Amino acid sequence: YFYQQPADGNWDYYKEAFKAGNIGFYMYQCYGGFNDNAE
């Protein structure tokens, strides 16, 4: 069920992938959403 790193993707590909709007859940850390200037 996991959208994995594309062949040409960086190690942190998932940061932009979730924001693209075709993935339901996102496993990450709280600072990525709750902090000022968060991703």
Full PDB file with SEQRES, HELIX, SHEET, SSBOND, CRYST1, ORIGX, SCALE, CONECT and MASTER records, all heavy atoms in Angstrom:
SEQRES   1 A   39  TYR PHE TYR GLN GLN PRO ALA ASP GLY ASN TRP ASP TYR          
SEQRES   2 A   39  TYR LYS GLU ALA PHE LYS ALA GLY ASN ILE GLY PHE TYR          
SEQRES   3 A   39  MET TYR GLN CYS TYR GLY GLY PHE ASN ASP ASN ALA GLU          
HELIX    1 AA1 TYR A   14  LYS A   19  1                                   6    
HELIX    2 AA2 TYR A   31  PHE A   34  1                                   4    
CRYST1    1.000    1.000    1.000  90.00  90.00  90.00 P 1           1          
ORIGX1      1.000000  0.000000  0.000000        0.00000                         
ORIGX2      0.000000  1.000000  0.000000        0.00000                         
ORIGX3      0.000000  0.000000  1.000000        0.00000                         
SCALE1      1.000000  0.000000  0.000000        0.00000                         
SCALE2      0.000000  1.000000  0.000000        0.00000                         
SCALE3      0.000000  0.000000  1.000000        0.00000                         
ATOM      1  N   TYR A   1       0.799  -1.232   0.000  1.00  0.00           N  
ATOM      2  CA  TYR A   1       0.000   0.000   0.000  1.00  0.00           C  
ATOM      3  C   TYR A   1       0.830   1.280   0.000  1.00  0.00           C  
ATOM      4  O   TYR A   1       0.268   2.374   0.006  1.00  0.00           O  
ATOM      5  CB  TYR A   1      -0.919   0.028   1.233  1.00  0.00           C  
ATOM      6  CG  TYR A   1      -1.613  -1.272   1.505  1.00  0.00           C  
ATOM      7  CD1 TYR A   1      -1.282  -2.036   2.620  1.00  0.00           C  
ATOM      8  CD2 TYR A   1      -2.602  -1.753   0.635  1.00  0.00           C  
ATOM      9  CE1 TYR A   1      -1.915  -3.242   2.883  1.00  0.00           C  
ATOM     10  CE2 TYR A   1      -3.237  -2.964   0.889  1.00  0.00           C  
ATOM     11  CZ  TYR A   1      -2.889  -3.698   2.008  1.00  0.00           C  
ATOM     12  OH  TYR A   1      -3.519  -4.892   2.249  1.00  0.00           O  
ATOM     13  N   PHE A   2       2.135   1.160  -0.007  1.00  0.00           N  
ATOM     14  CA  PHE A   2       3.030   2.286   0.229  1.00  0.00           C  
ATOM     15  C   PHE A   2       3.557   2.842  -1.090  1.00  0.00           C  
ATOM     16  O   PHE A   2       4.127   2.100  -1.903  1.00  0.00           O  
ATOM     17  CB  PHE A   2       4.204   1.820   1.096  1.00  0.00           C  
ATOM     18  CG  PHE A   2       4.952   2.893   1.823  1.00  0.00           C  
ATOM     19  CD1 PHE A   2       4.711   3.140   3.160  1.00  0.00           C  
ATOM     20  CD2 PHE A   2       5.942   3.638   1.185  1.00  0.00           C  
ATOM     21  CE1 PHE A   2       5.428   4.110   3.855  1.00  0.00           C  
ATOM     22  CE2 PHE A   2       6.650   4.604   1.851  1.00  0.00           C  
ATOM     23  CZ  PHE A   2       6.400   4.846   3.204  1.00  0.00           C  
ATOM     24  N   TYR A   3       3.365   4.145  -1.318  1.00  0.00           N  
ATOM     25  CA  TYR A   3       3.967   4.791  -2.484  1.00  0.00           C  
ATOM     26  C   TYR A   3       5.446   4.949  -2.208  1.00  0.00           C  
ATOM     27  O   TYR A   3       5.867   5.709  -1.338  1.00  0.00           O  
ATOM     28  CB  TYR A   3       3.320   6.140  -2.764  1.00  0.00           C  
ATOM     29  CG  TYR A   3       3.959   6.867  -3.930  1.00  0.00           C  
ATOM     30  CD1 TYR A   3       3.809   6.397  -5.226  1.00  0.00           C  
ATOM     31  CD2 TYR A   3       4.727   8.010  -3.727  1.00  0.00           C  
ATOM     32  CE1 TYR A   3       4.412   7.039  -6.304  1.00  0.00           C  
ATOM     33  CE2 TYR A   3       5.325   8.678  -4.792  1.00  0.00           C  
ATOM     34  CZ  TYR A   3       5.167   8.181  -6.079  1.00  0.00           C  
ATOM     35  OH  TYR A   3       5.764   8.813  -7.132  1.00  0.00           O  
ATOM     36  N   GLN A   4       6.276   4.215  -2.972  1.00  0.00           N  
ATOM     37  CA  GLN A   4       7.693   4.119  -2.706  1.00  0.00           C  
ATOM     38  C   GLN A   4       8.499   5.093  -3.562  1.00  0.00           C  
ATOM     39  O   GLN A   4       7.983   5.716  -4.483  1.00  0.00           O  
ATOM     40  CB  GLN A   4       8.157   2.682  -2.937  1.00  0.00           C  
ATOM     41  CG  GLN A   4       7.415   1.664  -2.062  1.00  0.00           C  
ATOM     42  CD  GLN A   4       7.797   0.235  -2.369  1.00  0.00           C  
ATOM     43  OE1 GLN A   4       8.856  -0.036  -2.926  1.00  0.00           O  
ATOM     44  NE2 GLN A   4       6.930  -0.705  -1.990  1.00  0.00           N  
ATOM     45  N   GLN A   5       9.760   5.183  -3.248  1.00  0.00           N  
ATOM     46  CA  GLN A   5      10.651   6.123  -3.915  1.00  0.00           C  
ATOM     47  C   GLN A   5      10.760   5.816  -5.415  1.00  0.00           C  
ATOM     48  O   GLN A   5      11.130   4.711  -5.802  1.00  0.00           O  
ATOM     49  CB  GLN A   5      12.045   6.064  -3.289  1.00  0.00           C  
ATOM     50  CG  GLN A   5      13.039   7.041  -3.882  1.00  0.00           C  
ATOM     51  CD  GLN A   5      14.381   6.996  -3.163  1.00  0.00           C  
ATOM     52  OE1 GLN A   5      14.535   6.329  -2.142  1.00  0.00           O  
ATOM     53  NE2 GLN A   5      15.364   7.710  -3.688  1.00  0.00           N  
ATOM     54  N   PRO A   6      10.429   6.782  -6.277  1.00  0.00           N  
ATOM     55  CA  PRO A   6      10.596   6.575  -7.719  1.00  0.00           C  
ATOM     56  C   PRO A   6      12.074   6.417  -8.075  1.00  0.00           C  
ATOM     57  O   PRO A   6      12.961   6.818  -7.313  1.00  0.00           O  
ATOM     58  CB  PRO A   6      10.026   7.864  -8.328  1.00  0.00           C  
ATOM     59  CG  PRO A   6       9.221   8.499  -7.240  1.00  0.00           C  
ATOM     60  CD  PRO A   6       9.861   8.099  -5.955  1.00  0.00           C  
ATOM     61  N   ALA A   7      12.320   5.851  -9.228  1.00  0.00           N  
ATOM     62  CA  ALA A   7      13.699   5.615  -9.657  1.00  0.00           C  
ATOM     63  C   ALA A   7      14.508   6.898  -9.701  1.00  0.00           C  
ATOM     64  O   ALA A   7      15.714   6.897  -9.436  1.00  0.00           O  
ATOM     65  CB  ALA A   7      13.704   4.928 -11.020  1.00  0.00           C  
ATOM     66  N   ASP A   8      13.861   8.006 -10.055  1.00  0.00           N  
ATOM     67  CA  ASP A   8      14.565   9.283 -10.141  1.00  0.00           C  
ATOM     68  C   ASP A   8      14.275  10.196  -8.952  1.00  0.00           C  
ATOM     69  O   ASP A   8      14.552  11.400  -9.000  1.00  0.00           O  
ATOM     70  CB  ASP A   8      14.174  10.011 -11.432  1.00  0.00           C  
ATOM     71  CG  ASP A   8      12.678  10.280 -11.518  1.00  0.00           C  
ATOM     72  OD1 ASP A   8      11.919   9.728 -10.683  1.00  0.00           O  
ATOM     73  OD2 ASP A   8      12.265  11.037 -12.418  1.00  0.00           O  
ATOM     74  N   GLY A   9      13.739   9.637  -7.882  1.00  0.00           N  
ATOM     75  CA  GLY A   9      13.359  10.455  -6.737  1.00  0.00           C  
ATOM     76  C   GLY A   9      14.457  10.580  -5.698  1.00  0.00           C  
ATOM     77  O   GLY A   9      15.316   9.702  -5.565  1.00  0.00           O  
ATOM     78  N   ASN A  10      14.443  11.670  -4.953  1.00  0.00           N  
ATOM     79  CA  ASN A  10      15.347  11.852  -3.826  1.00  0.00           C  
ATOM     80  C   ASN A  10      14.878  11.014  -2.647  1.00  0.00           C  
ATOM     81  O   ASN A  10      13.739  10.532  -2.616  1.00  0.00           O  
ATOM     82  CB  ASN A  10      15.411  13.324  -3.419  1.00  0.00           C  
ATOM     83  CG  ASN A  10      16.006  14.202  -4.498  1.00  0.00           C  
ATOM     84  OD1 ASN A  10      16.921  13.789  -5.216  1.00  0.00           O  
ATOM     85  ND2 ASN A  10      15.493  15.423  -4.626  1.00  0.00           N  
ATOM     86  N   TRP A  11      15.732  10.894  -1.631  1.00  0.00           N  
ATOM     87  CA  TRP A  11      15.371  10.092  -0.460  1.00  0.00           C  
ATOM     88  C   TRP A  11      14.128  10.633   0.250  1.00  0.00           C  
ATOM     89  O   TRP A  11      13.371   9.885   0.854  1.00  0.00           O  
ATOM     90  CB  TRP A  11      16.547  10.028   0.527  1.00  0.00           C  
ATOM     91  CG  TRP A  11      16.864  11.364   1.169  1.00  0.00           C  
ATOM     92  CD1 TRP A  11      17.732  12.299   0.727  1.00  0.00           C  
ATOM     93  CD2 TRP A  11      16.272  11.904   2.366  1.00  0.00           C  
ATOM     94  NE1 TRP A  11      17.743  13.395   1.560  1.00  0.00           N  
ATOM     95  CE2 TRP A  11      16.857  13.179   2.576  1.00  0.00           C  
ATOM     96  CE3 TRP A  11      15.325  11.445   3.272  1.00  0.00           C  
ATOM     97  CZ2 TRP A  11      16.517  13.986   3.659  1.00  0.00           C  
ATOM     98  CZ3 TRP A  11      14.978  12.249   4.360  1.00  0.00           C  
ATOM     99  CH2 TRP A  11      15.569  13.503   4.543  1.00  0.00           C  
ATOM    100  N   ASP A  12      13.900  11.954   0.153  1.00  0.00           N  
ATOM    101  CA  ASP A  12      12.738  12.552   0.810  1.00  0.00           C  
ATOM    102  C   ASP A  12      11.620  12.855  -0.185  1.00  0.00           C  
ATOM    103  O   ASP A  12      10.855  13.810  -0.008  1.00  0.00           O  
ATOM    104  CB  ASP A  12      13.138  13.815   1.564  1.00  0.00           C  
ATOM    105  CG  ASP A  12      13.756  14.881   0.664  1.00  0.00           C  
ATOM    106  OD1 ASP A  12      14.033  14.579  -0.518  1.00  0.00           O  
ATOM    107  OD2 ASP A  12      13.955  16.012   1.138  1.00  0.00           O  
ATOM    108  N   TYR A  13      11.508  12.020  -1.200  1.00  0.00           N  
ATOM    109  CA  TYR A  13      10.485  12.161  -2.241  1.00  0.00           C  
ATOM    110  C   TYR A  13       9.085  12.289  -1.669  1.00  0.00           C  
ATOM    111  O   TYR A  13       8.200  12.934  -2.240  1.00  0.00           O  
ATOM    112  CB  TYR A  13      10.535  10.923  -3.164  1.00  0.00           C  
ATOM    113  CG  TYR A  13      10.024   9.681  -2.472  1.00  0.00           C  
ATOM    114  CD1 TYR A  13       8.712   9.258  -2.633  1.00  0.00           C  
ATOM    115  CD2 TYR A  13      10.844   8.952  -1.609  1.00  0.00           C  
ATOM    116  CE1 TYR A  13       8.225   8.136  -1.975  1.00  0.00           C  
ATOM    117  CE2 TYR A  13      10.369   7.847  -0.945  1.00  0.00           C  
ATOM    118  CZ  TYR A  13       9.062   7.438  -1.128  1.00  0.00           C  
ATOM    119  OH  TYR A  13       8.575   6.343  -0.460  1.00  0.00           O  
ATOM    120  N   TYR A  14       8.851  11.640  -0.532  1.00  0.00           N  
ATOM    121  CA  TYR A  14       7.501  11.541   0.037  1.00  0.00           C  
ATOM    122  C   TYR A  14       6.955  12.888   0.496  1.00  0.00           C  
ATOM    123  O   TYR A  14       5.734  13.064   0.594  1.00  0.00           O  
ATOM    124  CB  TYR A  14       7.491  10.553   1.200  1.00  0.00           C  
ATOM    125  CG  TYR A  14       8.628  10.711   2.190  1.00  0.00           C  
ATOM    126  CD1 TYR A  14       8.631  11.708   3.153  1.00  0.00           C  
ATOM    127  CD2 TYR A  14       9.709   9.825   2.164  1.00  0.00           C  
ATOM    128  CE1 TYR A  14       9.660  11.839   4.055  1.00  0.00           C  
ATOM    129  CE2 TYR A  14      10.753   9.943   3.066  1.00  0.00           C  
ATOM    130  CZ  TYR A  14      10.726  10.950   4.017  1.00  0.00           C  
ATOM    131  OH  TYR A  14      11.762  11.083   4.913  1.00  0.00           O  
ATOM    132  N   LYS A  15       7.842  13.860   0.781  1.00  0.00           N  
ATOM    133  CA  LYS A  15       7.368  15.155   1.274  1.00  0.00           C  
ATOM    134  C   LYS A  15       6.494  15.856   0.236  1.00  0.00           C  
ATOM    135  O   LYS A  15       5.453  16.427   0.574  1.00  0.00           O  
ATOM    136  CB  LYS A  15       8.561  16.025   1.668  1.00  0.00           C  
ATOM    137  CG  LYS A  15       9.364  15.454   2.827  1.00  0.00           C  
ATOM    138  CD  LYS A  15      10.560  16.343   3.178  1.00  0.00           C  
ATOM    139  CE  LYS A  15      11.366  15.758   4.307  1.00  0.00           C  
ATOM    140  NZ  LYS A  15      12.532  16.604   4.670  1.00  0.00           N  
ATOM    141  N   GLU A  16       6.928  15.832  -1.007  1.00  0.00           N  
ATOM    142  CA  GLU A  16       6.123  16.434  -2.075  1.00  0.00           C  
ATOM    143  C   GLU A  16       5.037  15.476  -2.557  1.00  0.00           C  
ATOM    144  O   GLU A  16       3.977  15.910  -2.999  1.00  0.00           O  
ATOM    145  CB  GLU A  16       7.018  16.854  -3.236  1.00  0.00           C  
ATOM    146  CG  GLU A  16       7.985  17.975  -2.905  1.00  0.00           C  
ATOM    147  CD  GLU A  16       7.271  19.232  -2.423  1.00  0.00           C  
ATOM    148  OE1 GLU A  16       6.219  19.591  -3.008  1.00  0.00           O  
ATOM    149  OE2 GLU A  16       7.757  19.860  -1.460  1.00  0.00           O  
ATOM    150  N   ALA A  17       5.310  14.175  -2.469  1.00  0.00           N  
ATOM    151  CA  ALA A  17       4.339  13.193  -2.962  1.00  0.00           C  
ATOM    152  C   ALA A  17       3.025  13.278  -2.193  1.00  0.00           C  
ATOM    153  O   ALA A  17       1.939  13.229  -2.801  1.00  0.00           O  
ATOM    154  CB  ALA A  17       4.921  11.781  -2.850  1.00  0.00           C  
ATOM    155  N   PHE A  18       3.095  13.409  -0.882  1.00  0.00           N  
ATOM    156  CA  PHE A  18       1.845  13.478  -0.118  1.00  0.00           C  
ATOM    157  C   PHE A  18       1.076  14.747  -0.441  1.00  0.00           C  
ATOM    158  O   PHE A  18      -0.157  14.738  -0.559  1.00  0.00           O  
ATOM    159  CB  PHE A  18       2.146  13.418   1.379  1.00  0.00           C  
ATOM    160  CG  PHE A  18       0.911  13.493   2.241  1.00  0.00           C  
ATOM    161  CD1 PHE A  18      -0.049  12.509   2.195  1.00  0.00           C  
ATOM    162  CD2 PHE A  18       0.712  14.575   3.091  1.00  0.00           C  
ATOM    163  CE1 PHE A  18      -1.203  12.576   2.985  1.00  0.00           C  
ATOM    164  CE2 PHE A  18      -0.425  14.655   3.881  1.00  0.00           C  
ATOM    165  CZ  PHE A  18      -1.386  13.659   3.830  1.00  0.00           C  
ATOM    166  N   LYS A  19       1.795  15.849  -0.603  1.00  0.00           N  
ATOM    167  CA  LYS A  19       1.123  17.121  -0.900  1.00  0.00           C  
ATOM    168  C   LYS A  19       0.479  17.122  -2.286  1.00  0.00           C  
ATOM    169  O   LYS A  19      -0.395  17.949  -2.564  1.00  0.00           O  
ATOM    170  CB  LYS A  19       2.114  18.280  -0.776  1.00  0.00           C  
ATOM    171  CG  LYS A  19       2.566  18.526   0.656  1.00  0.00           C  
ATOM    172  CD  LYS A  19       3.322  19.829   0.811  1.00  0.00           C  
ATOM    173  CE  LYS A  19       4.679  19.788   0.167  1.00  0.00           C  
ATOM    174  NZ  LYS A  19       5.449  21.027   0.439  1.00  0.00           N  
ATOM    175  N   ALA A  20       0.880  16.191  -3.171  1.00  0.00           N  
ATOM    176  CA  ALA A  20       0.319  16.155  -4.529  1.00  0.00           C  
ATOM    177  C   ALA A  20      -1.144  15.748  -4.540  1.00  0.00           C  
ATOM    178  O   ALA A  20      -1.861  16.036  -5.511  1.00  0.00           O  
ATOM    179  CB  ALA A  20       1.137  15.203  -5.402  1.00  0.00           C  
ATOM    180  N   GLY A  21      -1.604  15.059  -3.503  1.00  0.00           N  
ATOM    181  CA  GLY A  21      -3.040  14.833  -3.368  1.00  0.00           C  
ATOM    182  C   GLY A  21      -3.581  13.518  -3.890  1.00  0.00           C  
ATOM    183  O   GLY A  21      -4.781  13.432  -4.171  1.00  0.00           O  
ATOM    184  N   ASN A  22      -2.755  12.483  -3.977  1.00  0.00           N  
ATOM    185  CA  ASN A  22      -3.272  11.178  -4.394  1.00  0.00           C  
ATOM    186  C   ASN A  22      -2.856  10.067  -3.429  1.00  0.00           C  
ATOM    187  O   ASN A  22      -2.761   8.901  -3.805  1.00  0.00           O  
ATOM    188  CB  ASN A  22      -2.809  10.835  -5.816  1.00  0.00           C  
ATOM    189  CG  ASN A  22      -1.301  10.706  -5.927  1.00  0.00           C  
ATOM    190  OD1 ASN A  22      -0.569  11.257  -5.103  1.00  0.00           O  
ATOM    191  ND2 ASN A  22      -0.841   9.988  -6.934  1.00  0.00           N  
ATOM    192  N   ILE A  23      -2.599  10.451  -2.167  1.00  0.00           N  
ATOM    193  CA  ILE A  23      -2.201   9.495  -1.126  1.00  0.00           C  
ATOM    194  C   ILE A  23      -3.026   9.777   0.125  1.00  0.00           C  
ATOM    195  O   ILE A  23      -3.201  10.930   0.523  1.00  0.00           O  
ATOM    196  CB  ILE A  23      -0.692   9.624  -0.818  1.00  0.00           C  
ATOM    197  CG1 ILE A  23       0.132   9.353  -2.090  1.00  0.00           C  
ATOM    198  CG2 ILE A  23      -0.290   8.664   0.294  1.00  0.00           C  
ATOM    199  CD1 ILE A  23       1.606   9.662  -1.952  1.00  0.00           C  
ATOM    200  N   GLY A  24      -3.511   8.710   0.749  1.00  0.00           N  
ATOM    201  CA  GLY A  24      -4.401   8.881   1.900  1.00  0.00           C  
ATOM    202  C   GLY A  24      -3.698   9.239   3.184  1.00  0.00           C  
ATOM    203  O   GLY A  24      -4.067  10.204   3.863  1.00  0.00           O  
ATOM    204  N   PHE A  25      -2.663   8.456   3.567  1.00  0.00           N  
ATOM    205  CA  PHE A  25      -1.981   8.636   4.847  1.00  0.00           C  
ATOM    206  C   PHE A  25      -0.506   8.947   4.632  1.00  0.00           C  
ATOM    207  O   PHE A  25       0.090   8.563   3.614  1.00  0.00           O  
ATOM    208  CB  PHE A  25      -2.107   7.370   5.705  1.00  0.00           C  
ATOM    209  CG  PHE A  25      -3.489   7.135   6.249  1.00  0.00           C  
ATOM    210  CD1 PHE A  25      -4.391   6.333   5.552  1.00  0.00           C  
ATOM    211  CD2 PHE A  25      -3.893   7.683   7.457  1.00  0.00           C  
ATOM    212  CE1 PHE A  25      -5.662   6.096   6.055  1.00  0.00           C  
ATOM    213  CE2 PHE A  25      -5.157   7.451   7.964  1.00  0.00           C  
ATOM    214  CZ  PHE A  25      -6.051   6.653   7.263  1.00  0.00           C  
ATOM    215  N   TYR A  26       0.066   9.604   5.616  1.00  0.00           N  
ATOM    216  CA  TYR A  26       1.457  10.068   5.528  1.00  0.00           C  
ATOM    217  C   TYR A  26       2.129   9.829   6.864  1.00  0.00           C  
ATOM    218  O   TYR A  26       1.767  10.429   7.884  1.00  0.00           O  
ATOM    219  CB  TYR A  26       1.461  11.546   5.174  1.00  0.00           C  
ATOM    220  CG  TYR A  26       2.804  12.219   5.059  1.00  0.00           C  
ATOM    221  CD1 TYR A  26       3.853  11.646   4.348  1.00  0.00           C  
ATOM    222  CD2 TYR A  26       3.019  13.475   5.639  1.00  0.00           C  
ATOM    223  CE1 TYR A  26       5.078  12.294   4.220  1.00  0.00           C  
ATOM    224  CE2 TYR A  26       4.236  14.137   5.514  1.00  0.00           C  
ATOM    225  CZ  TYR A  26       5.256  13.540   4.801  1.00  0.00           C  
ATOM    226  OH  TYR A  26       6.472  14.184   4.676  1.00  0.00           O  
ATOM    227  N   MET A  27       3.122   8.933   6.899  1.00  0.00           N  
ATOM    228  CA  MET A  27       3.872   8.632   8.113  1.00  0.00           C  
ATOM    229  C   MET A  27       5.066   9.562   8.207  1.00  0.00           C  
ATOM    230  O   MET A  27       5.975   9.520   7.370  1.00  0.00           O  
ATOM    231  CB  MET A  27       4.350   7.175   8.070  1.00  0.00           C  
ATOM    232  CG  MET A  27       5.045   6.720   9.337  1.00  0.00           C  
ATOM    233  SD  MET A  27       3.859   6.505  10.668  1.00  0.00           S  
ATOM    234  CE  MET A  27       4.927   6.614  12.106  1.00  0.00           C  
ATOM    235  N   TYR A  28       5.041  10.426   9.218  1.00  0.00           N  
ATOM    236  CA  TYR A  28       6.155  11.363   9.362  1.00  0.00           C  
ATOM    237  C   TYR A  28       6.197  11.839  10.804  1.00  0.00           C  
ATOM    238  O   TYR A  28       5.571  11.236  11.689  1.00  0.00           O  
ATOM    239  CB  TYR A  28       5.999  12.516   8.369  1.00  0.00           C  
ATOM    240  CG  TYR A  28       7.284  13.296   8.135  1.00  0.00           C  
ATOM    241  CD1 TYR A  28       8.468  12.638   7.837  1.00  0.00           C  
ATOM    242  CD2 TYR A  28       7.315  14.688   8.223  1.00  0.00           C  
ATOM    243  CE1 TYR A  28       9.655  13.343   7.625  1.00  0.00           C  
ATOM    244  CE2 TYR A  28       8.495  15.395   8.009  1.00  0.00           C  
ATOM    245  CZ  TYR A  28       9.654  14.710   7.714  1.00  0.00           C  
ATOM    246  OH  TYR A  28      10.825  15.404   7.505  1.00  0.00           O  
ATOM    247  N   GLN A  29       6.920  12.927  11.035  1.00  0.00           N  
ATOM    248  CA  GLN A  29       7.076  13.444  12.381  1.00  0.00           C  
ATOM    249  C   GLN A  29       6.268  14.725  12.559  1.00  0.00           C  
ATOM    250  O   GLN A  29       5.945  15.419  11.595  1.00  0.00           O  
ATOM    251  CB  GLN A  29       8.550  13.678  12.681  1.00  0.00           C  
ATOM    252  CG  GLN A  29       9.368  12.420  12.480  1.00  0.00           C  
ATOM    253  CD  GLN A  29      10.558  12.309  13.412  1.00  0.00           C  
ATOM    254  OE1 GLN A  29      10.783  13.129  14.298  1.00  0.00           O  
ATOM    255  NE2 GLN A  29      11.329  11.248  13.226  1.00  0.00           N  
ATOM    256  N   CYS A  30       5.971  15.034  13.807  1.00  0.00           N  
ATOM    257  CA  CYS A  30       5.055  16.137  14.094  1.00  0.00           C  
ATOM    258  C   CYS A  30       5.566  17.483  13.589  1.00  0.00           C  
ATOM    259  O   CYS A  30       4.771  18.346  13.216  1.00  0.00           O  
ATOM    260  CB  CYS A  30       4.781  16.208  15.596  1.00  0.00           C  
ATOM    261  SG  CYS A  30       3.644  14.936  16.199  1.00  0.00           S  
ATOM    262  N   TYR A  31       6.877  17.676  13.588  1.00  0.00           N  
ATOM    263  CA  TYR A  31       7.378  18.974  13.153  1.00  0.00           C  
ATOM    264  C   TYR A  31       7.075  19.238  11.684  1.00  0.00           C  
ATOM    265  O   TYR A  31       7.060  20.380  11.238  1.00  0.00           O  
ATOM    266  CB  TYR A  31       8.871  19.124  13.430  1.00  0.00           C  
ATOM    267  CG  TYR A  31       9.781  18.105  12.775  1.00  0.00           C  
ATOM    268  CD1 TYR A  31      10.025  18.107  11.409  1.00  0.00           C  
ATOM    269  CD2 TYR A  31      10.416  17.135  13.557  1.00  0.00           C  
ATOM    270  CE1 TYR A  31      10.864  17.167  10.817  1.00  0.00           C  
ATOM    271  CE2 TYR A  31      11.253  16.189  12.970  1.00  0.00           C  
ATOM    272  CZ  TYR A  31      11.475  16.216  11.605  1.00  0.00           C  
ATOM    273  OH  TYR A  31      12.309  15.278  11.030  1.00  0.00           O  
ATOM    274  N   GLY A  32       6.820  18.185  10.892  1.00  0.00           N  
ATOM    275  CA  GLY A  32       6.530  18.368   9.477  1.00  0.00           C  
ATOM    276  C   GLY A  32       5.189  19.005   9.197  1.00  0.00           C  
ATOM    277  O   GLY A  32       4.951  19.497   8.082  1.00  0.00           O  
ATOM    278  N   GLY A  33       4.309  19.041  10.198  1.00  0.00           N  
ATOM    279  CA  GLY A  33       3.001  19.637   9.992  1.00  0.00           C  
ATOM    280  C   GLY A  33       2.649  20.730  10.976  1.00  0.00           C  
ATOM    281  O   GLY A  33       1.966  21.691  10.630  1.00  0.00           O  
ATOM    282  N   PHE A  34       3.120  20.609  12.221  1.00  0.00           N  
ATOM    283  CA  PHE A  34       2.649  21.494  13.286  1.00  0.00           C  
ATOM    284  C   PHE A  34       3.561  22.690  13.551  1.00  0.00           C  
ATOM    285  O   PHE A  34       3.179  23.596  14.278  1.00  0.00           O  
ATOM    286  CB  PHE A  34       2.493  20.699  14.584  1.00  0.00           C  
ATOM    287  CG  PHE A  34       1.348  19.720  14.570  1.00  0.00           C  
ATOM    288  CD1 PHE A  34       1.555  18.394  14.222  1.00  0.00           C  
ATOM    289  CD2 PHE A  34       0.060  20.117  14.903  1.00  0.00           C  
ATOM    290  CE1 PHE A  34       0.512  17.475  14.223  1.00  0.00           C  
ATOM    291  CE2 PHE A  34      -0.987  19.218  14.909  1.00  0.00           C  
ATOM    292  CZ  PHE A  34      -0.766  17.897  14.561  1.00  0.00           C  
ATOM    293  N   ASN A  35       4.766  22.693  13.029  1.00  0.00           N  
ATOM    294  CA  ASN A  35       5.699  23.785  13.310  1.00  0.00           C  
ATOM    295  C   ASN A  35       5.561  24.924  12.305  1.00  0.00           C  
ATOM    296  O   ASN A  35       5.083  24.724  11.190  1.00  0.00           O  
ATOM    297  CB  ASN A  35       7.140  23.270  13.300  1.00  0.00           C  
ATOM    298  CG  ASN A  35       7.451  22.388  14.500  1.00  0.00           C  
ATOM    299  OD1 ASN A  35       6.556  21.967  15.218  1.00  0.00           O  
ATOM    300  ND2 ASN A  35       8.715  22.099  14.697  1.00  0.00           N  
ATOM    301  N   ASP A  36       6.011  26.103  12.713  1.00  0.00           N  
ATOM    302  CA  ASP A  36       6.059  27.234  11.783  1.00  0.00           C  
ATOM    303  C   ASP A  36       6.903  26.864  10.566  1.00  0.00           C  
ATOM    304  O   ASP A  36       7.946  26.217  10.690  1.00  0.00           O  
ATOM    305  CB  ASP A  36       6.672  28.462  12.466  1.00  0.00           C  
ATOM    306  CG  ASP A  36       5.742  29.055  13.516  1.00  0.00           C  
ATOM    307  OD1 ASP A  36       4.524  28.862  13.402  1.00  0.00           O  
ATOM    308  OD2 ASP A  36       6.254  29.697  14.455  1.00  0.00           O  
ATOM    309  N   ASN A  37       6.451  27.283   9.402  1.00  0.00           N  
ATOM    310  CA  ASN A  37       7.147  27.001   8.141  1.00  0.00           C  
ATOM    311  C   ASN A  37       7.317  25.505   7.893  1.00  0.00           C  
ATOM    312  O   ASN A  37       8.277  25.063   7.254  1.00  0.00           O  
ATOM    313  CB  ASN A  37       8.525  27.679   8.106  1.00  0.00           C  
ATOM    314  CG  ASN A  37       8.423  29.175   8.282  1.00  0.00           C  
ATOM    315  OD1 ASN A  37       7.595  29.827   7.644  1.00  0.00           O  
ATOM    316  ND2 ASN A  37       9.248  29.733   9.151  1.00  0.00           N  
ATOM    317  N   ALA A  38       6.389  24.695   8.419  1.00  0.00           N  
ATOM    318  CA  ALA A  38       6.460  23.250   8.240  1.00  0.00           C  
ATOM    319  C   ALA A  38       6.199  22.876   6.787  1.00  0.00           C  
ATOM    320  O   ALA A  38       5.652  23.658   5.997  1.00  0.00           O  
ATOM    321  CB  ALA A  38       5.449  22.555   9.151  1.00  0.00           C  
ATOM    322  N   GLU A  39       6.584  21.652   6.446  1.00  0.00           N  
ATOM    323  CA  GLU A  39       6.496  21.202   5.067  1.00  0.00           C  
ATOM    324  C   GLU A  39       5.064  21.130   4.555  1.00  0.00           C  
ATOM    325  O   GLU A  39       4.818  21.261   3.354  1.00  0.00           O  
ATOM    326  CB  GLU A  39       7.177  19.836   4.947  1.00  0.00           C  
ATOM    327  CG  GLU A  39       8.685  19.914   5.172  1.00  0.00           C  
ATOM    328  CD  GLU A  39       9.242  18.699   5.881  1.00  0.00           C  
ATOM    329  OE1 GLU A  39       8.501  17.722   6.067  1.00  0.00           O  
ATOM    330  OE2 GLU A  39      10.433  18.728   6.238  1.00  0.00           O  
TER     331      GLU A  39                                                      
MASTER        0    0    0    2    0    0    0    6  330    1    0    3          
END                                                                             
